[in-house]
Amino acid sequence: MNKKCLDGVKGTIRSIEGLLEIGLLTLAYYFIWRNSYDRGTFPAYFGYGKYVLTGVYALLTIVMFHTFDGFQFGYLRLTEVTVCQCLALILVNFITYLQLCLIANQLVAAAPLLILTVLEAAIAFLFILLYTALYHHIYPPKNMVMIFGREDAIDLKFKMDTRSDKYRITKLLSEHVGFEAICREIVHYDA
């Protein structure tokens, strides 16, 4: 499969994963909204108002996840994606709290949105674990041997270690070991 096609498949998988996660986070918001806020504090939403609020929440979450690189499963480290998504969720829920206060024309209870934030952080962490494992299963990093001539070339290893989603240098081999030793060793690696 060529690289362009492979990148398209990765993008499609990330989009599906992101939509599933956003869908579940939006359902959690809708549940909190219906059970905590939609009881007397706000004007009656007989029509589609509650769905508009839920849609705005979903859209805001998507924008914040993109802003904070929260959809970079497999590309960023697990902790980095977790921090990105948690920061995005905190900001989204803070903006949503302000939005709810403006709609109610008074300060509303913050506890339900704090509970929502903790619940969503747990949901996001589970999705991140699942998606990162799935990504690494479908696209395992290349097991590599690095052949170097000068000692300062090892700096390249540290650069490539930042892309652990693609490359894993598991052996460093100096050119001084000889051509035959290098040929015997490289057959055990992907690149």
C-alpha atoms as a PDB file:
ATOM      1  CA  MET A   1       0.000   0.000   0.000  1.00  0.00           C
ATOM      2  CA  ASN A   2       1.508   3.359  -0.958  1.00  0.00           C
ATOM      3  CA  LYS A   3       2.215   6.094   1.588  1.00  0.00           C
ATOM      4  CA  LYS A   4      -0.526   8.471   0.365  1.00  0.00           C
ATOM      5  CA  CYS A   5      -3.187   5.763   0.631  1.00  0.00           C
ATOM      6  CA  LEU A   6      -1.862   4.690   4.040  1.00  0.00           C
ATOM      7  CA  ASP A   7      -2.041   8.280   5.308  1.00  0.00           C
ATOM      8  CA  GLY A   8      -5.634   8.490   4.033  1.00  0.00           C
ATOM      9  CA  VAL A   9      -6.551   5.336   5.946  1.00  0.00           C
ATOM     10  CA  LYS A  10      -4.896   6.719   9.100  1.00  0.00           C
ATOM     11  CA  GLY A  11      -6.866   9.941   8.721  1.00  0.00           C
ATOM     12  CA  THR A  12     -10.118   8.057   8.242  1.00  0.00           C
ATOM     13  CA  ILE A  13      -9.470   5.900  11.307  1.00  0.00           C
ATOM     14  CA  ARG A  14      -8.635   8.982  13.391  1.00  0.00           C
ATOM     15  CA  SER A  15     -11.808  10.720  12.184  1.00  0.00           C
ATOM     16  CA  ILE A  16     -13.997   7.756  13.102  1.00  0.00           C
ATOM     17  CA  GLU A  17     -12.301   7.435  16.492  1.00  0.00           C
ATOM     18  CA  GLY A  18     -12.709  11.145  17.123  1.00  0.00           C
ATOM     19  CA  LEU A  19     -16.386  11.139  16.179  1.00  0.00           C
ATOM     20  CA  LEU A  20     -17.077   8.182  18.467  1.00  0.00           C
ATOM     21  CA  GLU A  21     -15.337   9.899  21.365  1.00  0.00           C
ATOM     22  CA  ILE A  22     -17.030  13.251  20.740  1.00  0.00           C
ATOM     23  CA  GLY A  23     -20.364  11.451  20.498  1.00  0.00           C
ATOM     24  CA  LEU A  24     -19.934   9.806  23.891  1.00  0.00           C
ATOM     25  CA  LEU A  25     -18.690  13.029  25.519  1.00  0.00           C
ATOM     26  CA  THR A  26     -21.680  14.874  24.076  1.00  0.00           C
ATOM     27  CA  LEU A  27     -24.046  12.211  25.433  1.00  0.00           C
ATOM     28  CA  ALA A  28     -22.470  12.672  28.876  1.00  0.00           C
ATOM     29  CA  TYR A  29     -23.089  16.427  28.596  1.00  0.00           C
ATOM     30  CA  TYR A  30     -26.680  15.864  27.492  1.00  0.00           C
ATOM     31  CA  PHE A  31     -27.258  13.521  30.447  1.00  0.00           C
ATOM     32  CA  ILE A  32     -25.885  16.099  32.920  1.00  0.00           C
ATOM     33  CA  TRP A  33     -27.890  18.871  31.245  1.00  0.00           C
ATOM     34  CA  ARG A  34     -31.170  16.939  31.379  1.00  0.00           C
ATOM     35  CA  ASN A  35     -30.703  15.716  34.947  1.00  0.00           C
ATOM     36  CA  SER A  36     -29.127  18.773  36.578  1.00  0.00           C
ATOM     37  CA  TYR A  37     -29.905  21.956  34.693  1.00  0.00           C
ATOM     38  CA  ASP A  38     -33.089  21.419  32.711  1.00  0.00           C
ATOM     39  CA  ARG A  39     -35.288  21.682  35.802  1.00  0.00           C
ATOM     40  CA  GLY A  40     -36.765  25.122  36.426  1.00  0.00           C
ATOM     41  CA  THR A  41     -33.599  27.233  36.159  1.00  0.00           C
ATOM     42  CA  PHE A  42     -33.813  27.652  32.422  1.00  0.00           C
ATOM     43  CA  PRO A  43     -36.651  28.606  30.124  1.00  0.00           C
ATOM     44  CA  ALA A  44     -38.634  25.616  28.937  1.00  0.00           C
ATOM     45  CA  TYR A  45     -37.091  24.070  25.856  1.00  0.00           C
ATOM     46  CA  PHE A  46     -40.165  22.638  24.187  1.00  0.00           C
ATOM     47  CA  GLY A  47     -38.630  22.457  20.731  1.00  0.00           C
ATOM     48  CA  TYR A  48     -35.093  21.809  19.695  1.00  0.00           C
ATOM     49  CA  GLY A  49     -33.285  24.215  22.048  1.00  0.00           C
ATOM     50  CA  LYS A  50     -31.730  21.464  24.140  1.00  0.00           C
ATOM     51  CA  TYR A  51     -30.420  19.828  20.972  1.00  0.00           C
ATOM     52  CA  VAL A  52     -28.952  23.112  19.794  1.00  0.00           C
ATOM     53  CA  LEU A  53     -27.149  23.460  23.143  1.00  0.00           C
ATOM     54  CA  THR A  54     -25.887  19.893  22.811  1.00  0.00           C
ATOM     55  CA  GLY A  55     -24.752  20.560  19.241  1.00  0.00           C
ATOM     56  CA  VAL A  56     -22.918  23.709  20.320  1.00  0.00           C
ATOM     57  CA  TYR A  57     -21.229  21.662  23.048  1.00  0.00           C
ATOM     58  CA  ALA A  58     -20.146  19.009  20.519  1.00  0.00           C
ATOM     59  CA  LEU A  59     -18.865  21.634  18.088  1.00  0.00           C
ATOM     60  CA  LEU A  60     -16.949  23.441  20.829  1.00  0.00           C
ATOM     61  CA  THR A  61     -15.412  20.146  21.953  1.00  0.00           C
ATOM     62  CA  ILE A  62     -14.302  19.321  18.405  1.00  0.00           C
ATOM     63  CA  VAL A  63     -12.738  22.766  17.978  1.00  0.00           C
ATOM     64  CA  MET A  64     -10.899  22.565  21.296  1.00  0.00           C
ATOM     65  CA  PHE A  65      -9.658  19.028  20.642  1.00  0.00           C
ATOM     66  CA  HIS A  66      -8.272  20.168  17.290  1.00  0.00           C
ATOM     67  CA  THR A  67      -6.762  23.278  18.871  1.00  0.00           C
ATOM     68  CA  PHE A  68      -5.019  21.260  21.583  1.00  0.00           C
ATOM     69  CA  ASP A  69      -4.080  18.327  19.254  1.00  0.00           C
ATOM     70  CA  GLY A  70      -6.359  16.012  21.204  1.00  0.00           C
ATOM     71  CA  PHE A  71      -6.963  13.730  18.223  1.00  0.00           C
ATOM     72  CA  GLN A  72      -3.312  12.772  17.754  1.00  0.00           C
ATOM     73  CA  PHE A  73      -3.728   9.162  18.950  1.00  0.00           C
ATOM     74  CA  GLY A  74      -0.596   7.154  18.242  1.00  0.00           C
ATOM     75  CA  TYR A  75       1.316  10.215  17.090  1.00  0.00           C
ATOM     76  CA  LEU A  76       1.717  11.925  20.442  1.00  0.00           C
ATOM     77  CA  ARG A  77       2.576  10.036  23.592  1.00  0.00           C
ATOM     78  CA  LEU A  78      -0.254   8.716  25.732  1.00  0.00           C
ATOM     79  CA  THR A  79       0.330  11.309  28.457  1.00  0.00           C
ATOM     80  CA  GLU A  80       0.519  14.147  25.925  1.00  0.00           C
ATOM     81  CA  VAL A  81      -2.825  13.243  24.342  1.00  0.00           C
ATOM     82  CA  THR A  82      -4.367  12.836  27.803  1.00  0.00           C
ATOM     83  CA  VAL A  83      -3.175  16.285  28.897  1.00  0.00           C
ATOM     84  CA  CYS A  84      -4.343  17.830  25.599  1.00  0.00           C
ATOM     85  CA  GLN A  85      -7.818  16.354  25.905  1.00  0.00           C
ATOM     86  CA  CYS A  86      -8.169  17.166  29.605  1.00  0.00           C
ATOM     87  CA  LEU A  87      -7.184  20.797  29.011  1.00  0.00           C
ATOM     88  CA  ALA A  88      -9.639  20.988  26.130  1.00  0.00           C
ATOM     89  CA  LEU A  89     -12.432  19.490  28.263  1.00  0.00           C
ATOM     90  CA  ILE A  90     -11.752  21.869  31.158  1.00  0.00           C
ATOM     91  CA  LEU A  91     -11.908  24.839  28.794  1.00  0.00           C
ATOM     92  CA  VAL A  92     -15.031  23.560  27.021  1.00  0.00           C
ATOM     93  CA  ASN A  93     -16.835  22.993  30.316  1.00  0.00           C
ATOM     94  CA  PHE A  94     -15.773  26.407  31.621  1.00  0.00           C
ATOM     95  CA  ILE A  95     -17.126  28.099  28.474  1.00  0.00           C
ATOM     96  CA  THR A  96     -20.271  25.977  28.749  1.00  0.00           C
ATOM     97  CA  TYR A  97     -20.719  27.054  32.367  1.00  0.00           C
ATOM     98  CA  LEU A  98     -20.508  30.702  31.327  1.00  0.00           C
ATOM     99  CA  GLN A  99     -22.967  30.008  28.514  1.00  0.00           C
ATOM    100  CA  LEU A 100     -25.438  28.378  30.939  1.00  0.00           C
ATOM    101  CA  CYS A 101     -25.114  31.313  33.347  1.00  0.00           C
ATOM    102  CA  LEU A 102     -25.896  33.724  30.520  1.00  0.00           C
ATOM    103  CA  ILE A 103     -28.916  31.709  29.420  1.00  0.00           C
ATOM    104  CA  ALA A 104     -30.260  31.438  32.994  1.00  0.00           C
ATOM    105  CA  ASN A 105     -29.429  35.110  33.675  1.00  0.00           C
ATOM    106  CA  GLN A 106     -27.942  34.052  37.012  1.00  0.00           C
ATOM    107  CA  LEU A 107     -25.123  31.961  38.416  1.00  0.00           C
ATOM    108  CA  VAL A 108     -25.997  28.294  38.170  1.00  0.00           C
ATOM    109  CA  ALA A 109     -24.577  25.439  40.207  1.00  0.00           C
ATOM    110  CA  ALA A 110     -21.109  24.499  39.014  1.00  0.00           C
ATOM    111  CA  ALA A 111     -21.062  21.066  40.669  1.00  0.00           C
ATOM    112  CA  PRO A 112     -22.779  19.199  37.805  1.00  0.00           C
ATOM    113  CA  LEU A 113     -20.244  20.528  35.285  1.00  0.00           C
ATOM    114  CA  LEU A 114     -17.377  19.667  37.641  1.00  0.00           C
ATOM    115  CA  ILE A 115     -18.746  16.126  37.871  1.00  0.00           C
ATOM    116  CA  LEU A 116     -19.085  16.127  34.086  1.00  0.00           C
ATOM    117  CA  THR A 117     -15.455  17.192  33.711  1.00  0.00           C
ATOM    118  CA  VAL A 118     -14.233  14.322  35.883  1.00  0.00           C
ATOM    119  CA  LEU A 119     -16.521  11.850  34.092  1.00  0.00           C
ATOM    120  CA  GLU A 120     -15.377  13.074  30.684  1.00  0.00           C
ATOM    121  CA  ALA A 121     -11.703  12.916  31.694  1.00  0.00           C
ATOM    122  CA  ALA A 122     -12.209   9.253  32.613  1.00  0.00           C
ATOM    123  CA  ILE A 123     -14.048   8.578  29.342  1.00  0.00           C
ATOM    124  CA  ALA A 124     -11.348  10.382  27.363  1.00  0.00           C
ATOM    125  CA  PHE A 125      -8.577   8.437  29.098  1.00  0.00           C
ATOM    126  CA  LEU A 126     -10.249   5.131  28.263  1.00  0.00           C
ATOM    127  CA  PHE A 127     -10.669   6.181  24.628  1.00  0.00           C
ATOM    128  CA  ILE A 128      -7.047   7.344  24.455  1.00  0.00           C
ATOM    129  CA  LEU A 129      -5.843   3.998  25.823  1.00  0.00           C
ATOM    130  CA  LEU A 130      -8.018   2.083  23.379  1.00  0.00           C
ATOM    131  CA  TYR A 131      -7.192   4.180  20.338  1.00  0.00           C
ATOM    132  CA  THR A 132      -3.462   4.330  21.024  1.00  0.00           C
ATOM    133  CA  ALA A 133      -3.332   0.545  21.430  1.00  0.00           C
ATOM    134  CA  LEU A 134      -5.407   0.109  18.265  1.00  0.00           C
ATOM    135  CA  TYR A 135      -3.209   2.537  16.339  1.00  0.00           C
ATOM    136  CA  HIS A 136      -0.006   0.785  17.411  1.00  0.00           C
ATOM    137  CA  HIS A 137      -1.544  -2.580  16.565  1.00  0.00           C
ATOM    138  CA  ILE A 138      -2.518  -1.500  13.050  1.00  0.00           C
ATOM    139  CA  TYR A 139       0.598   0.623  12.436  1.00  0.00           C
ATOM    140  CA  PRO A 140       3.407  -0.795  14.558  1.00  0.00           C
ATOM    141  CA  PRO A 141       6.583   1.289  14.669  1.00  0.00           C
ATOM    142  CA  LYS A 142       9.454   0.117  12.497  1.00  0.00           C
ATOM    143  CA  ASN A 143      12.060  -1.870  14.399  1.00  0.00           C
ATOM    144  CA  MET A 144      15.319  -0.263  13.284  1.00  0.00           C
ATOM    145  CA  VAL A 145      19.075  -0.622  13.566  1.00  0.00           C
ATOM    146  CA  MET A 146      21.075   2.576  13.323  1.00  0.00           C
ATOM    147  CA  ILE A 147      24.464   2.317  11.662  1.00  0.00           C
ATOM    148  CA  PHE A 148      26.676   5.282  12.449  1.00  0.00           C
ATOM    149  CA  GLY A 149      30.186   6.432  11.649  1.00  0.00           C
ATOM    150  CA  ARG A 150      30.745   9.331  14.018  1.00  0.00           C
ATOM    151  CA  GLU A 151      29.679   9.529  17.647  1.00  0.00           C
ATOM    152  CA  ASP A 152      27.784  12.800  17.104  1.00  0.00           C
ATOM    153  CA  ALA A 153      25.495  10.966  14.663  1.00  0.00           C
ATOM    154  CA  ILE A 154      23.785   9.428  17.692  1.00  0.00           C
ATOM    155  CA  ASP A 155      21.921  12.736  18.058  1.00  0.00           C
ATOM    156  CA  LEU A 156      19.780  11.497  15.163  1.00  0.00           C
ATOM    157  CA  LYS A 157      18.603   8.645  17.398  1.00  0.00           C
ATOM    158  CA  PHE A 158      17.264  11.132  19.917  1.00  0.00           C
ATOM    159  CA  LYS A 159      15.405  12.987  17.155  1.00  0.00           C
ATOM    160  CA  MET A 160      13.867   9.771  15.892  1.00  0.00           C
ATOM    161  CA  ASP A 161      12.906   8.766  19.443  1.00  0.00           C
ATOM    162  CA  THR A 162      10.480  11.702  19.425  1.00  0.00           C
ATOM    163  CA  ARG A 163       8.515   9.853  16.727  1.00  0.00           C
ATOM    164  CA  SER A 164       8.009   6.620  18.644  1.00  0.00           C
ATOM    165  CA  ASP A 165       4.807   6.086  16.656  1.00  0.00           C
ATOM    166  CA  LYS A 166       6.868   5.422  13.516  1.00  0.00           C
ATOM    167  CA  TYR A 167      10.383   4.436  14.543  1.00  0.00           C
ATOM    168  CA  ARG A 168      11.969   2.367  17.261  1.00  0.00           C
ATOM    169  CA  ILE A 169      15.751   2.230  17.108  1.00  0.00           C
ATOM    170  CA  THR A 170      16.575  -0.852  19.125  1.00  0.00           C
ATOM    171  CA  LYS A 171      20.219  -1.251  18.177  1.00  0.00           C
ATOM    172  CA  LEU A 172      23.093   1.109  17.499  1.00  0.00           C
ATOM    173  CA  LEU A 173      25.841  -0.327  15.329  1.00  0.00           C
ATOM    174  CA  SER A 174      29.127   1.369  14.537  1.00  0.00           C
ATOM    175  CA  GLU A 175      30.510   1.109  11.017  1.00  0.00           C
ATOM    176  CA  HIS A 176      33.769  -0.050  12.608  1.00  0.00           C
ATOM    177  CA  VAL A 177      32.341  -3.546  13.250  1.00  0.00           C
ATOM    178  CA  GLY A 178      32.798  -4.281   9.561  1.00  0.00           C
ATOM    179  CA  PHE A 179      30.634  -4.798   6.498  1.00  0.00           C
ATOM    180  CA  GLU A 180      30.001  -8.524   7.091  1.00  0.00           C
ATOM    181  CA  ALA A 181      28.849  -7.963  10.691  1.00  0.00           C
ATOM    182  CA  ILE A 182      26.548  -5.177   9.552  1.00  0.00           C
ATOM    183  CA  CYS A 183      25.068  -7.402   6.809  1.00  0.00           C
ATOM    184  CA  ARG A 184      24.459 -10.222   9.321  1.00  0.00           C
ATOM    185  CA  GLU A 185      22.772  -7.847  11.775  1.00  0.00           C
ATOM    186  CA  ILE A 186      20.467  -5.826   9.500  1.00  0.00           C
ATOM    187  CA  VAL A 187      18.398  -8.838   8.422  1.00  0.00           C
ATOM    188  CA  HIS A 188      16.836  -8.870  11.906  1.00  0.00           C
ATOM    189  CA  TYR A 189      15.323  -5.369  11.527  1.00  0.00           C
ATOM    190  CA  ASP A 190      12.612  -3.677   9.478  1.00  0.00           C
ATOM    191  CA  ALA A 191      14.835  -0.798   8.417  1.00  0.00           C
END
